[in-house]
C-alpha atoms as a PDB file:
ATOM      1  CA  MET A   1     145.539  74.623 197.138  1.00  0.00           C
ATOM      2  CA  LYS A   2     146.909  77.307 194.846  1.00  0.00           C
ATOM      3  CA  PHE A   3     144.388  79.092 192.675  1.00  0.00           C
ATOM      4  CA  PHE A   4     144.887  81.662 189.981  1.00  0.00           C
ATOM      5  CA  PHE A   5     142.905  84.820 189.298  1.00  0.00           C
ATOM      6  CA  ASP A   6     143.574  88.315 187.991  1.00  0.00           C
ATOM      7  CA  GLU A   7     141.443  91.361 188.827  1.00  0.00           C
ATOM      8  CA  ARG A   8     141.284  92.238 185.144  1.00  0.00           C
ATOM      9  CA  GLN A   9     138.924  89.282 184.709  1.00  0.00           C
ATOM     10  CA  LEU A  10     136.236  91.467 186.300  1.00  0.00           C
ATOM     11  CA  ALA A  11     136.343  94.013 183.467  1.00  0.00           C
ATOM     12  CA  HIS A  12     133.737  92.199 181.340  1.00  0.00           C
ATOM     13  CA  ALA A  13     130.370  93.289 182.744  1.00  0.00           C
ATOM     14  CA  PRO A  14     127.510  92.417 180.372  1.00  0.00           C
ATOM     15  CA  GLU A  15     124.100  93.846 181.179  1.00  0.00           C
ATOM     16  CA  HIS A  16     121.571  91.848 179.156  1.00  0.00           C
ATOM     17  CA  TYR A  17     121.116  89.021 176.721  1.00  0.00           C
ATOM     18  CA  PHE A  18     118.081  87.502 175.028  1.00  0.00           C
ATOM     19  CA  ARG A  19     116.454  84.483 176.622  1.00  0.00           C
ATOM     20  CA  TRP A  20     113.227  83.003 175.265  1.00  0.00           C
ATOM     21  CA  GLY A  21     112.784  86.045 173.050  1.00  0.00           C
ATOM     22  CA  SER A  22     113.155  88.733 175.716  1.00  0.00           C
ATOM     23  CA  PRO A  23     116.086  90.761 177.058  1.00  0.00           C
ATOM     24  CA  VAL A  24     116.933  89.608 180.594  1.00  0.00           C
ATOM     25  CA  PRO A  25     119.674  90.563 183.083  1.00  0.00           C
ATOM     26  CA  HIS A  26     122.870  88.738 182.222  1.00  0.00           C
ATOM     27  CA  PRO A  27     123.700  86.077 184.848  1.00  0.00           C
ATOM     28  CA  GLU A  28     127.434  85.930 184.077  1.00  0.00           C
ATOM     29  CA  GLN A  29     128.452  88.816 186.304  1.00  0.00           C
ATOM     30  CA  PRO A  30     131.836  89.802 187.826  1.00  0.00           C
ATOM     31  CA  GLU A  31     130.362  89.218 191.279  1.00  0.00           C
ATOM     32  CA  ARG A  32     130.546  85.462 190.629  1.00  0.00           C
ATOM     33  CA  ALA A  33     134.325  85.555 190.626  1.00  0.00           C
ATOM     34  CA  VAL A  34     134.511  87.918 193.594  1.00  0.00           C
ATOM     35  CA  LEU A  35     132.383  85.580 195.716  1.00  0.00           C
ATOM     36  CA  LEU A  36     134.446  82.551 194.756  1.00  0.00           C
ATOM     37  CA  ARG A  37     137.760  84.326 195.286  1.00  0.00           C
ATOM     38  CA  ASP A  38     136.829  85.677 198.709  1.00  0.00           C
ATOM     39  CA  ALA A  39     135.372  82.385 199.929  1.00  0.00           C
ATOM     40  CA  LEU A  40     138.454  80.441 198.891  1.00  0.00           C
ATOM     41  CA  LEU A  41     140.773  82.961 200.514  1.00  0.00           C
ATOM     42  CA  ALA A  42     138.758  82.751 203.728  1.00  0.00           C
ATOM     43  CA  ALA A  43     139.071  78.953 203.585  1.00  0.00           C
ATOM     44  CA  GLY A  44     142.857  79.216 203.441  1.00  0.00           C
ATOM     45  CA  HIS A  45     143.550  78.583 199.777  1.00  0.00           C
ATOM     46  CA  VAL A  46     146.463  80.477 198.235  1.00  0.00           C
ATOM     47  CA  LEU A  47     145.710  83.070 195.561  1.00  0.00           C
ATOM     48  CA  GLU A  48     148.338  83.798 192.933  1.00  0.00           C
ATOM     49  CA  LYS A  49     148.163  86.072 189.918  1.00  0.00           C
ATOM     50  CA  PRO A  50     148.787  84.258 186.666  1.00  0.00           C
ATOM     51  CA  GLY A  51     151.824  85.010 184.595  1.00  0.00           C
ATOM     52  CA  ASP A  52     151.403  86.120 181.009  1.00  0.00           C
ATOM     53  CA  PHE A  53     151.775  83.153 178.681  1.00  0.00           C
ATOM     54  CA  GLY A  54     150.930  85.308 175.671  1.00  0.00           C
ATOM     55  CA  GLN A  55     148.477  84.676 172.876  1.00  0.00           C
ATOM     56  CA  GLY A  56     150.270  81.633 171.487  1.00  0.00           C
ATOM     57  CA  PRO A  57     148.538  79.035 173.711  1.00  0.00           C
ATOM     58  CA  ILE A  58     145.153  80.630 172.996  1.00  0.00           C
ATOM     59  CA  LYS A  59     145.779  80.572 169.248  1.00  0.00           C
ATOM     60  CA  ALA A  60     146.895  76.950 169.503  1.00  0.00           C
ATOM     61  CA  VAL A  61     143.207  76.184 170.176  1.00  0.00           C
ATOM     62  CA  HIS A  62     141.352  79.070 168.515  1.00  0.00           C
ATOM     63  CA  ASP A  63     141.416  80.551 165.023  1.00  0.00           C
ATOM     64  CA  PRO A  64     144.010  83.370 165.236  1.00  0.00           C
ATOM     65  CA  GLU A  65     141.697  85.793 163.405  1.00  0.00           C
ATOM     66  CA  PHE A  66     138.942  85.032 165.925  1.00  0.00           C
ATOM     67  CA  VAL A  67     141.319  85.826 168.794  1.00  0.00           C
ATOM     68  CA  ASP A  68     142.582  89.018 167.162  1.00  0.00           C
ATOM     69  CA  PHE A  69     139.034  90.246 166.530  1.00  0.00           C
ATOM     70  CA  PHE A  70     138.390  90.871 170.226  1.00  0.00           C
ATOM     71  CA  LYS A  71     141.447  93.054 170.753  1.00  0.00           C
ATOM     72  CA  ASP A  72     139.798  96.098 169.180  1.00  0.00           C
ATOM     73  CA  ALA A  73     136.220  94.900 168.582  1.00  0.00           C
ATOM     74  CA  ARG A  74     134.707  97.310 171.098  1.00  0.00           C
ATOM     75  CA  ALA A  75     136.679 100.306 169.801  1.00  0.00           C
ATOM     76  CA  ARG A  76     135.587  99.507 166.255  1.00  0.00           C
ATOM     77  CA  TRP A  77     131.995  99.109 167.433  1.00  0.00           C
ATOM     78  CA  ASP A  78     132.085 102.483 169.181  1.00  0.00           C
ATOM     79  CA  GLU A  79     133.286 104.132 165.997  1.00  0.00           C
ATOM     80  CA  ALA A  80     130.771 102.385 163.753  1.00  0.00           C
ATOM     81  CA  VAL A  81     127.675 102.306 165.974  1.00  0.00           C
ATOM     82  CA  GLY A  82     128.329 104.522 168.996  1.00  0.00           C
ATOM     83  CA  PRO A  83     129.829 104.110 172.469  1.00  0.00           C
ATOM     84  CA  ASP A  84     126.446 103.786 174.184  1.00  0.00           C
ATOM     85  CA  ALA A  85     125.088 101.026 171.944  1.00  0.00           C
ATOM     86  CA  PRO A  86     125.479  97.521 173.405  1.00  0.00           C
ATOM     87  CA  ALA A  87     127.718  95.406 171.176  1.00  0.00           C
ATOM     88  CA  VAL A  88     125.309  92.489 170.962  1.00  0.00           C
ATOM     89  CA  PRO A  89     125.640  90.189 167.942  1.00  0.00           C
ATOM     90  CA  ASN A  90     122.403  90.435 165.971  1.00  0.00           C
ATOM     91  CA  TYR A  91     123.291  88.930 162.599  1.00  0.00           C
ATOM     92  CA  HIS A  92     124.241  85.256 162.444  1.00  0.00           C
ATOM     93  CA  THR A  93     125.268  82.721 159.837  1.00  0.00           C
ATOM     94  CA  ALA A  94     125.266  78.937 159.581  1.00  0.00           C
ATOM     95  CA  ARG A  95     128.901  79.320 158.435  1.00  0.00           C
ATOM     96  CA  THR A  96     128.657  76.508 155.883  1.00  0.00           C
ATOM     97  CA  SER A  97     129.168  78.821 152.922  1.00  0.00           C
ATOM     98  CA  ALA A  98     129.608  82.157 154.631  1.00  0.00           C
ATOM     99  CA  TRP A  99     132.223  84.730 153.755  1.00  0.00           C
ATOM    100  CA  ARG A 100     133.783  86.683 156.601  1.00  0.00           C
ATOM    101  CA  PRO A 101     132.613  90.311 156.257  1.00  0.00           C
ATOM    102  CA  THR A 102     134.886  93.289 156.807  1.00  0.00           C
ATOM    103  CA  GLY A 103     132.711  95.444 159.109  1.00  0.00           C
ATOM    104  CA  VAL A 104     132.556  95.015 162.859  1.00  0.00           C
ATOM    105  CA  VAL A 105     128.782  94.418 162.982  1.00  0.00           C
ATOM    106  CA  GLY A 106     129.011  91.544 160.516  1.00  0.00           C
ATOM    107  CA  GLN A 107     132.164  90.161 162.093  1.00  0.00           C
ATOM    108  CA  LEU A 108     130.600  90.139 165.552  1.00  0.00           C
ATOM    109  CA  GLY A 109     127.770  88.021 164.168  1.00  0.00           C
ATOM    110  CA  TYR A 110     130.198  85.835 162.228  1.00  0.00           C
ATOM    111  CA  TYR A 111     132.102  85.005 165.401  1.00  0.00           C
ATOM    112  CA  SER A 112     128.998  84.437 167.578  1.00  0.00           C
ATOM    113  CA  THR A 113     126.327  81.772 167.896  1.00  0.00           C
ATOM    114  CA  GLY A 114     123.818  83.904 169.805  1.00  0.00           C
ATOM    115  CA  THR A 115     123.356  87.022 171.921  1.00  0.00           C
ATOM    116  CA  SER A 116     124.920  85.830 175.167  1.00  0.00           C
ATOM    117  CA  CYS A 117     128.408  87.201 174.500  1.00  0.00           C
ATOM    118  CA  PRO A 118     128.138  90.974 174.119  1.00  0.00           C
ATOM    119  CA  VAL A 119     131.445  92.795 173.827  1.00  0.00           C
ATOM    120  CA  THR A 120     131.914  95.389 176.557  1.00  0.00           C
ATOM    121  CA  HIS A 121     134.734  97.865 176.968  1.00  0.00           C
ATOM    122  CA  GLY A 122     136.558  95.426 179.235  1.00  0.00           C
ATOM    123  CA  THR A 123     135.882  92.172 177.405  1.00  0.00           C
ATOM    124  CA  TRP A 124     139.309  91.693 175.822  1.00  0.00           C
ATOM    125  CA  GLU A 125     141.170  92.123 179.099  1.00  0.00           C
ATOM    126  CA  ALA A 126     138.775  89.827 180.946  1.00  0.00           C
ATOM    127  CA  ILE A 127     138.812  86.949 178.474  1.00  0.00           C
ATOM    128  CA  TYR A 128     142.563  87.214 177.957  1.00  0.00           C
ATOM    129  CA  TRP A 129     143.325  86.989 181.671  1.00  0.00           C
ATOM    130  CA  SER A 130     140.702  84.313 182.198  1.00  0.00           C
ATOM    131  CA  ALA A 131     142.671  82.185 179.744  1.00  0.00           C
ATOM    132  CA  GLN A 132     145.930  83.100 181.488  1.00  0.00           C
ATOM    133  CA  SER A 133     144.495  81.898 184.820  1.00  0.00           C
ATOM    134  CA  ALA A 134     143.689  78.555 183.216  1.00  0.00           C
ATOM    135  CA  LEU A 135     147.160  78.369 181.696  1.00  0.00           C
ATOM    136  CA  ALA A 136     148.822  79.183 185.016  1.00  0.00           C
ATOM    137  CA  ALA A 137     146.983  76.341 186.749  1.00  0.00           C
ATOM    138  CA  ALA A 138     147.805  73.965 183.896  1.00  0.00           C
ATOM    139  CA  ASP A 139     151.440  75.002 183.866  1.00  0.00           C
ATOM    140  CA  LEU A 140     151.793  74.418 187.602  1.00  0.00           C
ATOM    141  CA  VAL A 141     150.417  70.892 187.241  1.00  0.00           C
ATOM    142  CA  MET A 142     152.539  70.269 184.174  1.00  0.00           C
ATOM    143  CA  LYS A 143     155.584  71.119 186.287  1.00  0.00           C
ATOM    144  CA  GLY A 144     154.736  68.648 189.020  1.00  0.00           C
ATOM    145  CA  GLU A 145     151.991  70.028 191.287  1.00  0.00           C
ATOM    146  CA  ARG A 146     149.279  67.420 191.862  1.00  0.00           C
ATOM    147  CA  ILE A 147     146.350  69.843 191.533  1.00  0.00           C
ATOM    148  CA  ALA A 148     145.702  73.534 190.861  1.00  0.00           C
ATOM    149  CA  TYR A 149     142.603  75.652 190.207  1.00  0.00           C
ATOM    150  CA  GLY A 150     142.094  78.323 187.580  1.00  0.00           C
ATOM    151  CA  LEU A 151     139.325  80.688 188.644  1.00  0.00           C
ATOM    152  CA  SER A 152     138.534  81.425 185.025  1.00  0.00           C
ATOM    153  CA  ARG A 153     135.884  84.050 184.565  1.00  0.00           C
ATOM    154  CA  PRO A 154     134.384  84.556 182.000  1.00  0.00           C
ATOM    155  CA  PRO A 155     133.918  80.790 181.577  1.00  0.00           C
ATOM    156  CA  GLY A 156     134.902  78.965 178.412  1.00  0.00           C
ATOM    157  CA  HIS A 157     133.558  75.472 177.742  1.00  0.00           C
ATOM    158  CA  HIS A 158     130.900  76.531 175.216  1.00  0.00           C
ATOM    159  CA  ALA A 159     133.349  78.452 173.023  1.00  0.00           C
ATOM    160  CA  TYR A 160     134.146  76.874 169.670  1.00  0.00           C
ATOM    161  CA  ARG A 161     137.374  77.229 167.747  1.00  0.00           C
ATOM    162  CA  ASP A 162     136.089  80.351 166.015  1.00  0.00           C
ATOM    163  CA  ALA A 163     132.805  81.304 167.694  1.00  0.00           C
ATOM    164  CA  THR A 164     131.533  82.454 171.071  1.00  0.00           C
ATOM    165  CA  ASP A 165     128.634  80.644 172.714  1.00  0.00           C
ATOM    166  CA  GLY A 166     126.833  80.552 176.053  1.00  0.00           C
ATOM    167  CA  PHE A 167     128.698  83.350 177.911  1.00  0.00           C
ATOM    168  CA  CYS A 168     132.043  81.889 176.696  1.00  0.00           C
ATOM    169  CA  PHE A 169     134.681  83.568 174.507  1.00  0.00           C
ATOM    170  CA  PHE A 170     137.945  81.607 174.840  1.00  0.00           C
ATOM    171  CA  ASN A 171     137.745  77.920 175.757  1.00  0.00           C
ATOM    172  CA  ASN A 172     139.848  77.913 178.913  1.00  0.00           C
ATOM    173  CA  ALA A 173     139.637  74.156 179.543  1.00  0.00           C
ATOM    174  CA  ALA A 174     140.639  73.344 175.965  1.00  0.00           C
ATOM    175  CA  ILE A 175     143.523  75.817 176.208  1.00  0.00           C
ATOM    176  CA  ALA A 176     144.650  74.179 179.462  1.00  0.00           C
ATOM    177  CA  ALA A 177     144.362  70.675 177.989  1.00  0.00           C
ATOM    178  CA  GLN A 178     146.354  71.625 174.913  1.00  0.00           C
ATOM    179  CA  HIS A 179     149.009  73.242 177.106  1.00  0.00           C
ATOM    180  CA  ILE A 180     149.570  70.198 179.308  1.00  0.00           C
ATOM    181  CA  ARG A 181     149.800  67.983 176.238  1.00  0.00           C
ATOM    182  CA  GLN A 182     153.384  69.261 176.124  1.00  0.00           C
ATOM    183  CA  ARG A 183     154.089  66.815 178.953  1.00  0.00           C
ATOM    184  CA  PHE A 184     151.223  64.318 179.044  1.00  0.00           C
ATOM    185  CA  GLU A 185     150.488  62.100 176.035  1.00  0.00           C
ATOM    186  CA  ARG A 186     146.836  61.420 176.886  1.00  0.00           C
ATOM    187  CA  VAL A 187     144.563  63.917 178.631  1.00  0.00           C
ATOM    188  CA  THR A 188     140.905  63.760 179.641  1.00  0.00           C
ATOM    189  CA  VAL A 189     138.691  66.822 179.913  1.00  0.00           C
ATOM    190  CA  LEU A 190     135.949  65.944 182.410  1.00  0.00           C
ATOM    191  CA  ASP A 191     133.094  68.446 182.178  1.00  0.00           C
ATOM    192  CA  ILE A 192     130.614  68.421 185.081  1.00  0.00           C
ATOM    193  CA  ASP A 193     128.673  71.600 184.354  1.00  0.00           C
ATOM    194  CA  THR A 194     124.870  71.487 184.063  1.00  0.00           C
ATOM    195  CA  HIS A 195     125.298  72.483 180.396  1.00  0.00           C
ATOM    196  CA  ALA A 196     127.171  70.441 177.795  1.00  0.00           C
ATOM    197  CA  GLY A 197     130.787  71.303 177.114  1.00  0.00           C
ATOM    198  CA  ASN A 198     129.892  71.623 173.457  1.00  0.00           C
ATOM    199  CA  GLY A 199     132.784  73.866 172.501  1.00  0.00           C
ATOM    200  CA  THR A 200     135.355  71.582 174.086  1.00  0.00           C
ATOM    201  CA  LEU A 201     133.765  68.558 172.429  1.00  0.00           C
ATOM    202  CA  SER A 202     133.933  70.311 169.065  1.00  0.00           C
ATOM    203  CA  ILE A 203     137.561  71.379 169.426  1.00  0.00           C
ATOM    204  CA  PHE A 204     138.804  67.851 170.181  1.00  0.00           C
ATOM    205  CA  PHE A 205     136.178  65.877 168.225  1.00  0.00           C
ATOM    206  CA  ASN A 206     138.662  64.580 165.659  1.00  0.00           C
ATOM    207  CA  ARG A 207     141.506  63.851 168.057  1.00  0.00           C
ATOM    208  CA  GLY A 208     142.320  60.656 169.883  1.00  0.00           C
ATOM    209  CA  ASP A 209     144.840  62.101 172.341  1.00  0.00           C
ATOM    210  CA  VAL A 210     142.311  64.216 174.281  1.00  0.00           C
ATOM    211  CA  GLN A 211     139.213  62.521 175.622  1.00  0.00           C
ATOM    212  CA  VAL A 212     136.235  64.773 176.369  1.00  0.00           C
ATOM    213  CA  ILE A 213     133.561  63.522 178.777  1.00  0.00           C
ATOM    214  CA  SER A 214     130.610  65.806 179.435  1.00  0.00           C
ATOM    215  CA  MET A 215     127.870  65.105 181.971  1.00  0.00           C
ATOM    216  CA  HIS A 216     124.993  67.538 181.540  1.00  0.00           C
ATOM    217  CA  VAL A 217     121.269  67.993 181.190  1.00  0.00           C
ATOM    218  CA  ASP A 218     119.797  66.558 177.983  1.00  0.00           C
ATOM    219  CA  PRO A 219     120.107  69.385 175.423  1.00  0.00           C
ATOM    220  CA  SER A 220     116.880  68.453 173.601  1.00  0.00           C
ATOM    221  CA  ASP A 221     115.129  71.353 175.374  1.00  0.00           C
ATOM    222  CA  TYR A 222     117.984  72.945 177.302  1.00  0.00           C
ATOM    223  CA  PRO A 223     121.088  74.925 176.323  1.00  0.00           C
ATOM    224  CA  PRO A 224     123.198  74.439 174.285  1.00  0.00           C
ATOM    225  CA  TYR A 225     120.406  72.667 172.329  1.00  0.00           C
ATOM    226  CA  PHE A 226     122.425  71.733 169.235  1.00  0.00           C
ATOM    227  CA  ASN A 227     125.262  69.613 170.666  1.00  0.00           C
ATOM    228  CA  GLY A 228     125.917  67.311 173.587  1.00  0.00           C
ATOM    229  CA  TYR A 229     123.926  64.273 172.464  1.00  0.00           C
ATOM    230  CA  THR A 230     124.854  60.682 173.244  1.00  0.00           C
ATOM    231  CA  HIS A 231     125.447  59.774 169.591  1.00  0.00           C
ATOM    232  CA  GLU A 232     128.310  62.297 169.374  1.00  0.00           C
ATOM    233  CA  ILE A 233     131.308  60.047 170.043  1.00  0.00           C
ATOM    234  CA  GLY A 234     134.016  61.670 167.934  1.00  0.00           C
ATOM    235  CA  GLU A 235     135.170  61.221 164.356  1.00  0.00           C
ATOM    236  CA  GLY A 236     138.233  59.901 162.551  1.00  0.00           C
ATOM    237  CA  PRO A 237     141.151  59.503 164.975  1.00  0.00           C
ATOM    238  CA  GLY A 238     138.831  60.824 167.714  1.00  0.00           C
ATOM    239  CA  GLU A 239     136.102  58.218 167.271  1.00  0.00           C
ATOM    240  CA  GLY A 240     135.211  56.887 170.703  1.00  0.00           C
ATOM    241  CA  ALA A 241     137.097  59.649 172.534  1.00  0.00           C
ATOM    242  CA  SER A 242     134.006  61.803 173.129  1.00  0.00           C
ATOM    243  CA  LEU A 243     131.288  60.853 175.584  1.00  0.00           C
ATOM    244  CA  ASN A 244     128.079  62.683 176.474  1.00  0.00           C
ATOM    245  CA  VAL A 245     126.238  61.467 179.575  1.00  0.00           C
ATOM    246  CA  THR A 246     122.864  63.195 179.763  1.00  0.00           C
ATOM    247  CA  LEU A 247     120.617  63.919 182.736  1.00  0.00           C
ATOM    248  CA  THR A 248     116.834  64.238 182.698  1.00  0.00           C
ATOM    249  CA  PRO A 249     115.511  67.564 184.040  1.00  0.00           C
ATOM    250  CA  GLY A 250     114.514  67.039 187.644  1.00  0.00           C
ATOM    251  CA  ALA A 251     117.085  64.277 188.196  1.00  0.00           C
ATOM    252  CA  GLU A 252     117.757  63.497 191.854  1.00  0.00           C
ATOM    253  CA  GLU A 253     121.246  63.563 193.336  1.00  0.00           C
ATOM    254  CA  ALA A 254     121.579  59.776 193.425  1.00  0.00           C
ATOM    255  CA  LEU A 255     120.999  59.588 189.674  1.00  0.00           C
ATOM    256  CA  VAL A 256     123.444  62.418 189.014  1.00  0.00           C
ATOM    257  CA  LEU A 257     126.123  60.598 191.004  1.00  0.00           C
ATOM    258  CA  ARG A 258     125.455  57.305 189.183  1.00  0.00           C
ATOM    259  CA  SER A 259     125.835  59.155 185.894  1.00  0.00           C
ATOM    260  CA  PHE A 260     129.055  60.652 187.173  1.00  0.00           C
ATOM    261  CA  GLY A 261     130.234  57.133 187.981  1.00  0.00           C
ATOM    262  CA  THR A 262     129.708  56.258 184.309  1.00  0.00           C
ATOM    263  CA  CYS A 263     131.990  59.174 183.432  1.00  0.00           C
ATOM    264  CA  ILE A 264     134.684  57.998 185.821  1.00  0.00           C
ATOM    265  CA  ASP A 265     134.537  54.473 184.392  1.00  0.00           C
ATOM    266  CA  ALA A 266     134.977  55.817 180.852  1.00  0.00           C
ATOM    267  CA  LEU A 267     137.877  57.978 181.986  1.00  0.00           C
ATOM    268  CA  LYS A 268     139.620  54.960 183.520  1.00  0.00           C
ATOM    269  CA  ASP A 269     139.139  52.992 180.300  1.00  0.00           C
ATOM    270  CA  PHE A 270     140.852  55.782 178.340  1.00  0.00           C
ATOM    271  CA  ALA A 271     143.745  55.749 180.855  1.00  0.00           C
ATOM    272  CA  PRO A 272     144.814  59.393 180.646  1.00  0.00           C
ATOM    273  CA  GLU A 273     147.996  60.710 182.231  1.00  0.00           C
ATOM    274  CA  ALA A 274     146.280  63.900 183.445  1.00  0.00           C
ATOM    275  CA  VAL A 275     142.797  65.351 183.875  1.00  0.00           C
ATOM    276  CA  VAL A 276     141.347  68.795 183.218  1.00  0.00           C
ATOM    277  CA  VAL A 277     138.046  69.323 185.057  1.00  0.00           C
ATOM    278  CA  SER A 278     135.561  71.816 183.651  1.00  0.00           C
ATOM    279  CA  LEU A 279     133.990  72.605 187.003  1.00  0.00           C
ATOM    280  CA  GLY A 280     130.418  73.905 186.917  1.00  0.00           C
ATOM    281  CA  PHE A 281     128.706  74.649 190.203  1.00  0.00           C
ATOM    282  CA  ASP A 282     125.499  75.374 188.279  1.00  0.00           C
ATOM    283  CA  LEU A 283     124.554  71.732 188.878  1.00  0.00           C
ATOM    284  CA  SER A 284     123.477  72.912 192.340  1.00  0.00           C
ATOM    285  CA  GLU A 285     119.724  72.786 192.846  1.00  0.00           C
ATOM    286  CA  ASP A 286     119.618  76.429 194.002  1.00  0.00           C
ATOM    287  CA  ASP A 287     121.557  77.774 191.008  1.00  0.00           C
ATOM    288  CA  PRO A 288     119.337  80.056 188.884  1.00  0.00           C
ATOM    289  CA  LEU A 289     120.096  78.015 185.749  1.00  0.00           C
ATOM    290  CA  SER A 290     119.841  74.513 187.252  1.00  0.00           C
ATOM    291  CA  VAL A 291     117.061  72.002 186.578  1.00  0.00           C
ATOM    292  CA  VAL A 292     118.468  69.083 188.631  1.00  0.00           C
ATOM    293  CA  LYS A 293     118.646  68.389 192.352  1.00  0.00           C
ATOM    294  CA  PHE A 294     122.224  68.453 193.587  1.00  0.00           C
ATOM    295  CA  SER A 295     123.820  69.517 196.861  1.00  0.00           C
ATOM    296  CA  SER A 296     127.163  70.433 198.381  1.00  0.00           C
ATOM    297  CA  GLN A 297     127.526  66.827 199.526  1.00  0.00           C
ATOM    298  CA  GLY A 298     127.225  65.748 195.909  1.00  0.00           C
ATOM    299  CA  PHE A 299     130.129  67.999 194.974  1.00  0.00           C
ATOM    300  CA  VAL A 300     132.137  66.517 197.847  1.00  0.00           C
ATOM    301  CA  GLU A 301     131.542  63.004 196.503  1.00  0.00           C
ATOM    302  CA  MET A 302     132.523  63.995 192.965  1.00  0.00           C
ATOM    303  CA  ALA A 303     135.700  65.682 194.208  1.00  0.00           C
ATOM    304  CA  GLY A 304     136.600  62.572 196.171  1.00  0.00           C
ATOM    305  CA  ALA A 305     136.138  60.346 193.133  1.00  0.00           C
ATOM    306  CA  ILE A 306     138.330  62.630 191.027  1.00  0.00           C
ATOM    307  CA  MET A 307     141.076  62.629 193.635  1.00  0.00           C
ATOM    308  CA  ASP A 308     140.874  58.831 193.949  1.00  0.00           C
ATOM    309  CA  LEU A 309     142.104  58.651 190.346  1.00  0.00           C
ATOM    310  CA  GLY A 310     145.526  59.745 191.596  1.00  0.00           C
ATOM    311  CA  LEU A 311     146.181  61.802 188.453  1.00  0.00           C
ATOM    312  CA  PRO A 312     147.606  65.302 187.932  1.00  0.00           C
ATOM    313  CA  THR A 313     144.484  67.458 187.890  1.00  0.00           C
ATOM    314  CA  VAL A 314     143.705  70.951 186.615  1.00  0.00           C
ATOM    315  CA  LEU A 315     140.445  72.501 187.821  1.00  0.00           C
ATOM    316  CA  ILE A 316     138.987  75.183 185.537  1.00  0.00           C
ATOM    317  CA  GLN A 317     135.953  77.190 186.608  1.00  0.00           C
ATOM    318  CA  GLU A 318     132.957  77.102 184.282  1.00  0.00           C
ATOM    319  CA  GLY A 319     129.341  77.787 185.344  1.00  0.00           C
ATOM    320  CA  GLY A 320     127.932  78.513 188.740  1.00  0.00           C
ATOM    321  CA  TYR A 321     125.871  81.655 189.029  1.00  0.00           C
ATOM    322  CA  LEU A 322     124.521  83.792 191.829  1.00  0.00           C
ATOM    323  CA  GLY A 323     122.685  81.127 193.794  1.00  0.00           C
ATOM    324  CA  PRO A 324     122.857  80.939 197.606  1.00  0.00           C
ATOM    325  CA  SER A 325     125.269  78.003 197.775  1.00  0.00           C
ATOM    326  CA  LEU A 326     127.793  79.013 195.094  1.00  0.00           C
ATOM    327  CA  SER A 327     130.633  79.809 197.509  1.00  0.00           C
ATOM    328  CA  LYS A 328     129.781  76.910 199.813  1.00  0.00           C
ATOM    329  CA  ASN A 329     129.961  74.430 196.956  1.00  0.00           C
ATOM    330  CA  ALA A 330     133.304  75.755 195.760  1.00  0.00           C
ATOM    331  CA  VAL A 331     134.824  75.566 199.224  1.00  0.00           C
ATOM    332  CA  ALA A 332     133.447  72.058 199.774  1.00  0.00           C
ATOM    333  CA  PHE A 333     134.860  70.810 196.462  1.00  0.00           C
ATOM    334  CA  LEU A 334     138.337  72.312 196.874  1.00  0.00           C
ATOM    335  CA  GLU A 335     138.645  71.332 200.527  1.00  0.00           C
ATOM    336  CA  THR A 336     137.812  67.741 199.596  1.00  0.00           C
ATOM    337  CA  CYS A 337     140.550  67.837 196.986  1.00  0.00           C
ATOM    338  CA  ASP A 338     143.008  69.315 199.482  1.00  0.00           C
ATOM    339  CA  GLY A 339     142.102  66.747 202.100  1.00  0.00           C
ATOM    340  CA  ALA A 340     142.912  63.903 199.715  1.00  0.00           C
ATOM    341  CA  LEU A 341     146.490  65.053 199.058  1.00  0.00           C
END
């Protein structure tokens, strides 16, 4: 399988964020992508650098001012606060009646939902090329390839149209889905990360041409907390095109796979022409952020079910942190996909 990745995606290297009221080491590290890249190369998959599709496809999904903010956000922060101060958003707004401020400190808070997306000196390059990797995979599938994988890092499925969230800046899966809509009339985004694809759900919530299915741990006491509930089914033209399938913390693999079967059934009912998979290996029981019991064999079974659909498929990397089986799970999933071609 061809997969896309650019070394510039490693430039974003956050040190800390706040979790449960305390600063902790940031789990979304460049090493994640290095491990995945090297394991896939060793397994015989073909690495290609993405072409530059420009900012247009990103701005087709995100507020253009939000996108432009990150181009010089760190330089502005250095000038206003100092080059050694971490650019962590520390002022936030509910946005319902908020006015966009002019200073970088206020703007960083305006465009953030929490503290998990600090802006480092390499953030713009990393998030830009992460989106380009997703676009390259989508473009290849749009042009006739059955399946391709965008090793998008930083991840993207929590990012809203105009706000960062949960380690995510640009919503790579949403960008990929919007891109392939140029060819395919109906597209499903299938999100199988341990956390809800809340940003993707929000972006397409009012649209009936893009179905979003997210299987994840119940957000009542688990990130992203505020979205990803079963009553969220879409609005207006998008009513019925959003589906949240929630897992109880501690769920065994058999239950996870039954829940995944519910997702596949809903996807078939929607009858899309193509699928974008938000692929989160943080479902694995040994992932540092996981609270369910899931193994490499589970990923193999999910990959098989996706390939059985017989649809053009774009894989976009989401979660999956520095647990022992990260690389193993990725190889198992992609090799299953390859074996079904």
